[in-house]
C-alpha cells in the first residue's frame, strides 16, 4: 500500500472514518485476561483481526500499545496483571557506568519477538486497511530504564548520561521498526508521552532530534510513522512535535486539538482525543460518549486532516456499548455534513 496516497485520500475524504486505538478490548472478545493475551502472538493477531472485523468503519488496524516491551528487552523488570497493560518497576540504570555498559538487545529479546510475530500474523489476516505496529519513543524508553522521575532531573544535572542511553535506545528502536516493516506493517505508532513533560527546548534536544533521526531512517511512501503523545499542553510544544517529521500525529485527552491542528502541517493526519477512561470506559453510559464525540467533531471536523480517535489506547474492560456509540455518533455527524453539502 502506498501510504502517501492513503494519507492524501484520508485528508480528501469528506466522509471520514474514525481511528480509535482499540486493541486490548480484544481480551474480552477472546475471553482471556490481558496477561495471557500479551504472551501469545497468535491470540494478539486474532484479537486485532476480530476488532477490525467488528468495526469496518475503523480507518486502520493497530496492534497493542505497551511501553514496557522495549524496556523489558533491555533488561528492565516488567509486572503483569489480569486486566492492565504491563508496567516497568525499578531502576535498571543508576550511573554513567551502567549507561556505558548497557547492551543493545537483539531482536526477539523479551517480548519483541512476540510483537513482531503478532504483526506478521495480523498482516496476513487484515487486508482491507493499513496495519499499524506500536513501539516506544526513545525518551519514553530511556525513562523506563532510568526511572521516569529521575530522567527528568538528569536532563539538567547529567545530560551526557541521558544522551548515552538515548543513542542506544534509538538504535534499537530503528532496528525494531525496520523489522515491523519487513513483517508487513504499513506504519508504526511511536508513543513518546514522557517527552511532553519537558520544556520545548529540552524536548527538542532529548526527544525530537532522536525521533526525527529514527523517522528519517524508516519512513517512506509505503511506511509511515504516527507520533503519539498524550502529555498535557502540547500545543505549546507544537514546533518540537512537528520537527519529528512524522506524517501522522496522535494526541491525548488534554490536548487542545484545534490549536494543534492550526499549528501542524496540513498534509499530515492529526488524530485525537476522546478520553479513554473518562468516556470510552465511563460508567455514565452512552450519553456521555455521544455528547463528547459530537462536541469534538463540531470543533474539529472543519479541518480536513483531522481524524477523530481515542486519546490513548482504550482499556481492556471498556464497555462495547460505549465503543458502538462512538462509531454511531461519528457516522451520524459526517452524514449530517454530507447532507448539508448537498443542500448548500
Protein backbone atom coordinates (compact mmCIF):
# COMPACT_ATOMS: atom_id res chain seq x y z
CA UNK A 1 0.00 0.00 0.00
CA UNK A 2 1.26 3.46 -0.89
CA UNK A 3 0.80 5.22 2.43
CA UNK A 4 1.41 8.68 0.99
CA UNK A 5 -1.60 8.13 -1.26
CA UNK A 6 -3.57 6.69 1.64
CA UNK A 7 -2.90 9.79 3.74
CA UNK A 8 -3.93 12.06 0.87
CA UNK A 9 -7.11 10.03 0.41
CA UNK A 10 -7.97 10.28 4.11
CA UNK A 11 -7.49 14.03 4.07
CA UNK A 12 -9.58 14.46 0.91
CA UNK A 13 -12.42 12.21 2.08
CA UNK A 14 -15.47 14.16 3.25
CA UNK A 15 -16.88 11.03 4.88
CA UNK A 16 -14.06 10.23 7.26
CA UNK A 17 -13.64 7.06 9.26
CA UNK A 18 -12.67 7.13 12.92
CA UNK A 19 -9.43 5.67 14.26
CA UNK A 20 -9.71 4.85 17.98
CA UNK A 21 -6.85 2.82 19.43
CA UNK A 22 -8.87 -0.28 20.19
CA UNK A 23 -6.84 -3.44 20.72
CA UNK A 24 -6.90 -4.51 24.36
CA UNK A 25 -10.71 -4.97 24.42
CA UNK A 26 -9.94 -8.00 22.27
CA UNK A 27 -9.25 -9.73 25.59
CA UNK A 28 -12.99 -9.59 26.26
CA UNK A 29 -13.78 -10.99 22.83
CA UNK A 30 -11.33 -13.84 23.31
CA UNK A 31 -12.36 -14.46 26.95
CA UNK A 32 -8.79 -14.31 28.20
CA UNK A 33 -7.02 -11.95 30.66
CA UNK A 34 -4.57 -9.36 29.37
CA UNK A 35 -1.73 -11.31 30.99
CA UNK A 36 -2.42 -14.23 28.63
CA UNK A 37 -3.15 -12.04 25.63
CA UNK A 38 0.21 -10.25 25.62
CA UNK A 39 2.07 -13.56 25.96
CA UNK A 40 0.61 -15.13 22.81
CA UNK A 41 1.26 -13.65 19.36
CA UNK A 42 -1.44 -15.78 17.74
CA UNK A 43 -4.08 -14.56 20.17
CA UNK A 44 -2.94 -10.95 19.76
CA UNK A 45 -3.15 -11.24 15.96
CA UNK A 46 -6.57 -12.88 16.09
CA UNK A 47 -7.68 -10.19 18.53
CA UNK A 48 -6.58 -7.49 16.08
CA UNK A 49 -8.49 -9.22 13.30
CA UNK A 50 -11.66 -9.65 15.35
CA UNK A 51 -11.66 -5.97 16.36
CA UNK A 52 -11.08 -4.90 12.74
CA UNK A 53 -13.81 -7.25 11.51
CA UNK A 54 -16.27 -5.97 14.11
CA UNK A 55 -15.55 -2.32 13.29
CA UNK A 56 -15.25 -1.96 9.49
CA UNK A 57 -15.64 1.79 9.99
CA UNK A 58 -12.22 1.94 11.70
CA UNK A 59 -9.62 3.61 9.44
CA UNK A 60 -6.76 1.26 10.29
CA UNK A 61 -5.99 -1.74 12.48
CA UNK A 62 -3.49 -1.35 15.27
CA UNK A 63 -1.50 -3.65 17.49
CA UNK A 64 -1.09 -3.20 21.24
CA UNK A 65 0.38 -0.05 22.80
CA UNK A 66 2.75 -1.30 25.51
CA UNK A 67 5.61 0.90 26.70
CA UNK A 68 7.13 -1.92 28.72
CA UNK A 69 8.12 -4.11 25.75
CA UNK A 70 11.36 -2.45 24.69
CA UNK A 71 12.44 -1.66 28.26
CA UNK A 72 11.96 -5.31 29.22
CA UNK A 73 14.09 -6.32 26.23
CA UNK A 74 16.87 -4.11 27.62
CA UNK A 75 16.62 -5.93 30.96
CA UNK A 76 14.10 -3.91 32.96
CA UNK A 77 11.59 -5.75 35.14
CA UNK A 78 8.01 -5.88 33.85
CA UNK A 79 4.98 -6.59 36.05
CA UNK A 80 1.90 -8.24 34.54
CA UNK A 81 -1.73 -8.09 35.64
CA UNK A 82 -5.02 -9.67 34.68
CA UNK A 83 -6.62 -6.60 33.11
CA UNK A 84 -3.95 -3.89 32.87
CA UNK A 85 -1.12 -3.24 30.44
CA UNK A 86 2.28 -4.50 31.70
CA UNK A 87 4.35 -1.90 33.55
CA UNK A 88 8.04 -1.44 34.38
CA UNK A 89 9.17 -1.31 38.01
CA UNK A 90 12.55 -0.46 39.50
CA UNK A 91 15.52 1.37 38.03
CA UNK A 92 17.81 -0.55 35.69
CA UNK A 93 20.40 2.24 35.20
CA UNK A 94 21.72 4.40 38.02
CA UNK A 95 25.19 5.60 36.94
CA UNK A 96 27.13 6.61 33.87
CA UNK A 97 28.97 3.30 34.17
CA UNK A 98 25.63 1.49 33.96
CA UNK A 99 24.72 3.52 30.90
CA UNK A 100 28.04 2.77 29.21
CA UNK A 101 27.65 -0.94 29.94
CA UNK A 102 24.05 -1.11 28.69
CA UNK A 103 23.84 -3.57 25.82
CA UNK A 104 21.52 -3.07 22.87
CA UNK A 105 19.30 -6.18 22.80
CA UNK A 106 18.90 -8.48 19.84
CA UNK A 107 15.60 -8.53 18.01
CA UNK A 108 13.36 -11.06 19.69
CA UNK A 109 14.59 -10.29 23.19
CA UNK A 110 11.85 -10.20 25.81
CA UNK A 111 8.50 -9.89 24.08
CA UNK A 112 9.76 -8.06 20.98
CA UNK A 113 9.68 -11.33 19.07
CA UNK A 114 6.04 -11.89 20.05
CA UNK A 115 5.14 -8.37 18.95
CA UNK A 116 6.83 -8.87 15.59
CA UNK A 117 5.06 -12.21 15.14
CA UNK A 118 1.76 -10.56 16.05
CA UNK A 119 2.08 -8.00 13.26
CA UNK A 120 3.30 -10.64 10.79
CA UNK A 121 0.25 -12.80 11.50
CA UNK A 122 -2.19 -9.88 11.61
CA UNK A 123 -0.97 -8.63 8.22
CA UNK A 124 -1.99 -11.98 6.76
CA UNK A 125 -5.48 -11.67 8.22
CA UNK A 126 -6.25 -7.97 7.69
CA UNK A 127 -6.22 -6.89 4.05
CA UNK A 128 -8.84 -4.15 3.80
CA UNK A 129 -6.98 -1.36 5.60
CA UNK A 130 -3.48 -0.46 6.88
CA UNK A 131 -1.99 -2.38 9.79
CA UNK A 132 -0.02 -0.37 12.36
CA UNK A 133 2.52 -1.73 14.80
CA UNK A 134 3.41 0.01 18.08
CA UNK A 135 6.68 1.00 19.71
CA UNK A 136 8.03 3.30 22.41
CA UNK A 137 9.76 6.56 21.59
CA UNK A 138 13.40 6.99 22.60
CA UNK A 139 12.89 9.32 25.57
CA UNK A 140 9.98 7.29 26.93
CA UNK A 141 12.07 4.13 26.64
CA UNK A 142 15.05 5.78 28.33
CA UNK A 143 12.74 6.95 31.13
CA UNK A 144 11.72 3.39 31.88
CA UNK A 145 15.35 2.36 32.10
CA UNK A 146 16.39 5.28 34.29
CA UNK A 147 13.10 5.83 36.17
CA UNK A 148 10.57 8.33 34.88
CA UNK A 149 11.17 10.96 37.57
CA UNK A 150 14.94 10.51 37.57
CA UNK A 151 15.37 11.14 33.86
CA UNK A 152 13.60 14.48 34.05
CA UNK A 153 16.18 15.66 36.61
CA UNK A 154 19.08 14.16 34.70
CA UNK A 155 18.31 16.15 31.56
CA UNK A 156 19.51 19.13 33.63
CA UNK A 157 22.02 17.54 36.01
CA UNK A 158 23.66 14.88 33.86
CA UNK A 159 22.63 15.29 30.21
CA UNK A 160 25.56 13.22 28.91
CA UNK A 161 24.27 10.15 30.72
CA UNK A 162 20.81 10.64 29.22
CA UNK A 163 22.26 11.03 25.72
CA UNK A 164 24.25 7.82 26.16
CA UNK A 165 21.05 5.91 26.81
CA UNK A 166 19.10 7.73 24.09
CA UNK A 167 21.66 6.75 21.48
CA UNK A 168 21.30 3.07 22.38
CA UNK A 169 17.53 3.29 22.68
CA UNK A 170 17.27 4.95 19.27
CA UNK A 171 19.48 2.35 17.64
CA UNK A 172 17.28 -0.45 18.91
CA UNK A 173 14.00 1.30 18.06
CA UNK A 174 15.20 1.89 14.50
CA UNK A 175 16.06 -1.79 14.07
CA UNK A 176 12.77 -2.80 15.68
CA UNK A 177 10.69 -0.61 13.38
CA UNK A 178 12.52 -1.90 10.31
CA UNK A 179 11.62 -5.42 11.44
CA UNK A 180 7.96 -4.37 11.67
CA UNK A 181 8.19 -3.13 8.08
CA UNK A 182 9.56 -6.48 6.98
CA UNK A 183 6.79 -8.22 8.93
CA UNK A 184 4.15 -6.45 6.83
CA UNK A 185 3.19 -3.39 8.86
CA UNK A 186 2.11 -0.30 6.92
CA UNK A 187 3.12 2.01 9.74
CA UNK A 188 4.01 2.27 13.40
CA UNK A 189 2.58 4.32 16.26
CA UNK A 190 5.52 5.63 18.26
CA UNK A 191 4.48 6.50 21.81
CA UNK A 192 6.60 9.31 23.27
CA UNK A 193 4.46 10.75 26.10
CA UNK A 194 7.28 11.32 28.58
CA UNK A 195 8.84 13.90 26.26
CA UNK A 196 5.77 16.05 26.71
CA UNK A 197 6.85 16.77 30.29
CA UNK A 198 9.97 18.58 29.08
CA UNK A 199 10.27 22.25 28.19
CA UNK A 200 10.12 22.93 24.42
CA UNK A 201 13.91 23.31 24.17
CA UNK A 202 14.64 20.18 26.20
CA UNK A 203 12.00 18.27 24.25
CA UNK A 204 13.81 19.21 21.06
CA UNK A 205 17.18 18.11 22.41
CA UNK A 206 16.23 14.91 24.22
CA UNK A 207 13.36 13.67 22.08
CA UNK A 208 12.61 15.40 18.80
CA UNK A 209 16.15 15.20 17.42
CA UNK A 210 16.28 11.47 18.14
CA UNK A 211 12.75 10.78 16.87
CA UNK A 212 13.48 12.64 13.64
CA UNK A 213 16.61 10.58 13.06
CA UNK A 214 14.59 7.38 13.50
CA UNK A 215 11.80 8.58 11.24
CA UNK A 216 14.25 9.63 8.53
CA UNK A 217 15.57 6.06 8.56
CA UNK A 218 12.25 4.20 8.38
CA UNK A 219 9.54 6.38 6.83
CA UNK A 220 8.90 6.15 3.11
CA UNK A 221 5.99 6.01 0.68
CA UNK A 222 4.98 2.55 1.87
CA UNK A 223 5.51 3.02 5.59
CA UNK A 224 4.58 5.91 7.87
CA UNK A 225 5.24 6.85 11.48
CA UNK A 226 2.43 8.12 13.68
CA UNK A 227 3.82 10.16 16.58
CA UNK A 228 1.74 9.71 19.74
CA UNK A 229 2.00 11.97 22.76
CA UNK A 230 -0.67 12.15 25.46
CA UNK A 231 1.03 14.74 27.69
CA UNK A 232 -0.69 17.98 28.69
CA UNK A 233 -0.30 21.37 26.97
CA UNK A 234 1.37 20.00 23.86
CA UNK A 235 0.09 22.95 21.85
CA UNK A 236 2.91 24.97 23.46
CA UNK A 237 5.36 22.39 22.09
CA UNK A 238 3.88 22.15 18.61
CA UNK A 239 7.14 23.17 16.90
CA UNK A 240 9.04 20.37 18.63
CA UNK A 241 6.27 17.91 17.73
CA UNK A 242 6.23 18.96 14.08
CA UNK A 243 10.02 18.77 14.00
CA UNK A 244 9.86 14.98 14.23
CA UNK A 245 8.89 14.76 10.56
CA UNK A 246 6.10 12.24 11.18
CA UNK A 247 3.26 12.06 8.65
CA UNK A 248 0.66 11.31 11.33
CA UNK A 249 0.14 12.64 14.87
CA UNK A 250 -1.99 11.36 17.73
CA UNK A 251 -2.75 13.29 20.94
CA UNK A 252 -4.20 12.67 24.38
CA UNK A 253 -7.40 13.79 26.01
CA UNK A 254 -5.97 17.01 27.50
CA UNK A 255 -4.59 18.37 24.24
CA UNK A 256 -6.18 21.38 22.56
CA UNK A 257 -6.90 19.66 19.26
CA UNK A 258 -7.94 22.80 17.41
CA UNK A 259 -4.73 24.59 18.41
CA UNK A 260 -2.62 21.62 17.31
CA UNK A 261 -4.49 21.36 14.01
CA UNK A 262 -3.73 25.02 13.39
CA UNK A 263 -0.04 24.54 14.20
CA UNK A 264 0.81 21.25 12.48
CA UNK A 265 1.29 20.67 8.72
CA UNK A 266 -1.97 20.41 6.81
CA UNK A 267 -0.71 17.50 4.71
CA UNK A 268 -0.31 15.34 7.82
CA UNK A 269 -3.10 13.49 9.62
CA UNK A 270 -3.81 14.72 13.17
CA UNK A 271 -5.80 12.44 15.49
CA UNK A 272 -7.35 12.51 18.95
CA UNK A 273 -8.66 12.81 21.60
CA UNK A 274 -11.76 11.28 23.24
CA UNK A 275 -10.84 10.26 26.80
CA UNK A 276 -10.17 6.50 27.08
CA UNK A 277 -11.12 6.40 30.77
CA UNK A 278 -13.50 9.35 31.07
CA UNK A 279 -15.66 8.48 28.05
CA UNK A 280 -14.81 5.14 26.43
CA UNK A 281 -14.55 3.39 29.78
CA UNK A 282 -17.05 5.58 31.61
CA UNK A 283 -19.82 4.03 33.69
CA UNK A 284 -22.02 7.01 32.83
CA UNK A 285 -23.28 5.22 29.74
CA UNK A 286 -23.57 6.11 26.09
CA UNK A 287 -24.99 9.59 26.62
CA UNK A 288 -21.65 10.99 27.82
CA UNK A 289 -19.86 9.37 24.88
CA UNK A 290 -22.36 10.77 22.41
CA UNK A 291 -22.08 14.32 23.73
CA UNK A 292 -18.30 14.26 23.98
CA UNK A 293 -17.82 12.83 20.49
CA UNK A 294 -20.28 15.28 19.00
CA UNK A 295 -18.62 18.25 20.70
CA UNK A 296 -15.13 17.31 19.47
CA UNK A 297 -16.34 16.77 15.90
CA UNK A 298 -18.18 20.07 15.84
CA UNK A 299 -14.96 21.75 16.92
CA UNK A 300 -12.51 19.94 14.66
CA UNK A 301 -14.18 18.30 11.66
CA UNK A 302 -13.72 21.53 9.69
CA UNK A 303 -10.04 20.61 9.48
CA UNK A 304 -9.62 18.25 6.55
CA UNK A 305 -6.64 16.48 8.14
CA UNK A 306 -8.45 15.69 11.40
CA UNK A 307 -9.44 12.09 12.21
CA UNK A 308 -11.28 11.53 15.46
CA UNK A 309 -9.77 8.94 17.79
CA UNK A 310 -9.41 7.97 21.41
CA UNK A 311 -6.87 10.00 23.37
CA UNK A 312 -4.78 6.89 24.01
CA UNK A 313 -5.28 3.12 23.92
CA UNK A 314 -8.72 2.06 25.11
CA UNK A 315 -8.74 -0.04 28.33
CA UNK A 316 -9.32 -3.77 28.06
CA UNK A 317 -12.51 -3.73 30.14
CA UNK A 318 -14.20 -0.96 28.14
CA UNK A 319 -17.94 -1.40 27.62
CA UNK A 320 -18.53 -2.28 23.96
CA UNK A 321 -21.75 -0.25 24.06
CA UNK A 322 -19.66 2.89 24.53
CA UNK A 323 -17.45 1.95 21.58
CA UNK A 324 -20.55 1.33 19.45
CA UNK A 325 -21.94 4.73 20.44
CA UNK A 326 -18.67 6.41 19.47
CA UNK A 327 -18.79 4.99 15.94
CA UNK A 328 -22.51 5.70 15.58
CA UNK A 329 -22.02 9.33 16.57
CA UNK A 330 -19.10 9.79 14.17
CA UNK A 331 -21.07 8.26 11.31
CA UNK A 332 -24.09 10.45 12.02
CA UNK A 333 -22.09 13.68 12.23
CA UNK A 334 -20.39 13.09 8.89
CA UNK A 335 -23.73 12.09 7.34
CA UNK A 336 -25.20 15.39 8.53
CA UNK A 337 -22.26 17.21 6.93
CA UNK A 338 -22.80 15.40 3.62
CA UNK A 339 -26.45 16.37 3.66
CA UNK A 340 -25.52 19.97 4.42
CA UNK A 341 -23.16 19.92 1.44
CA UNK A 342 -25.98 18.68 -0.78
CA UNK A 343 -28.42 21.45 0.10
CA UNK A 344 -26.00 24.35 0.43
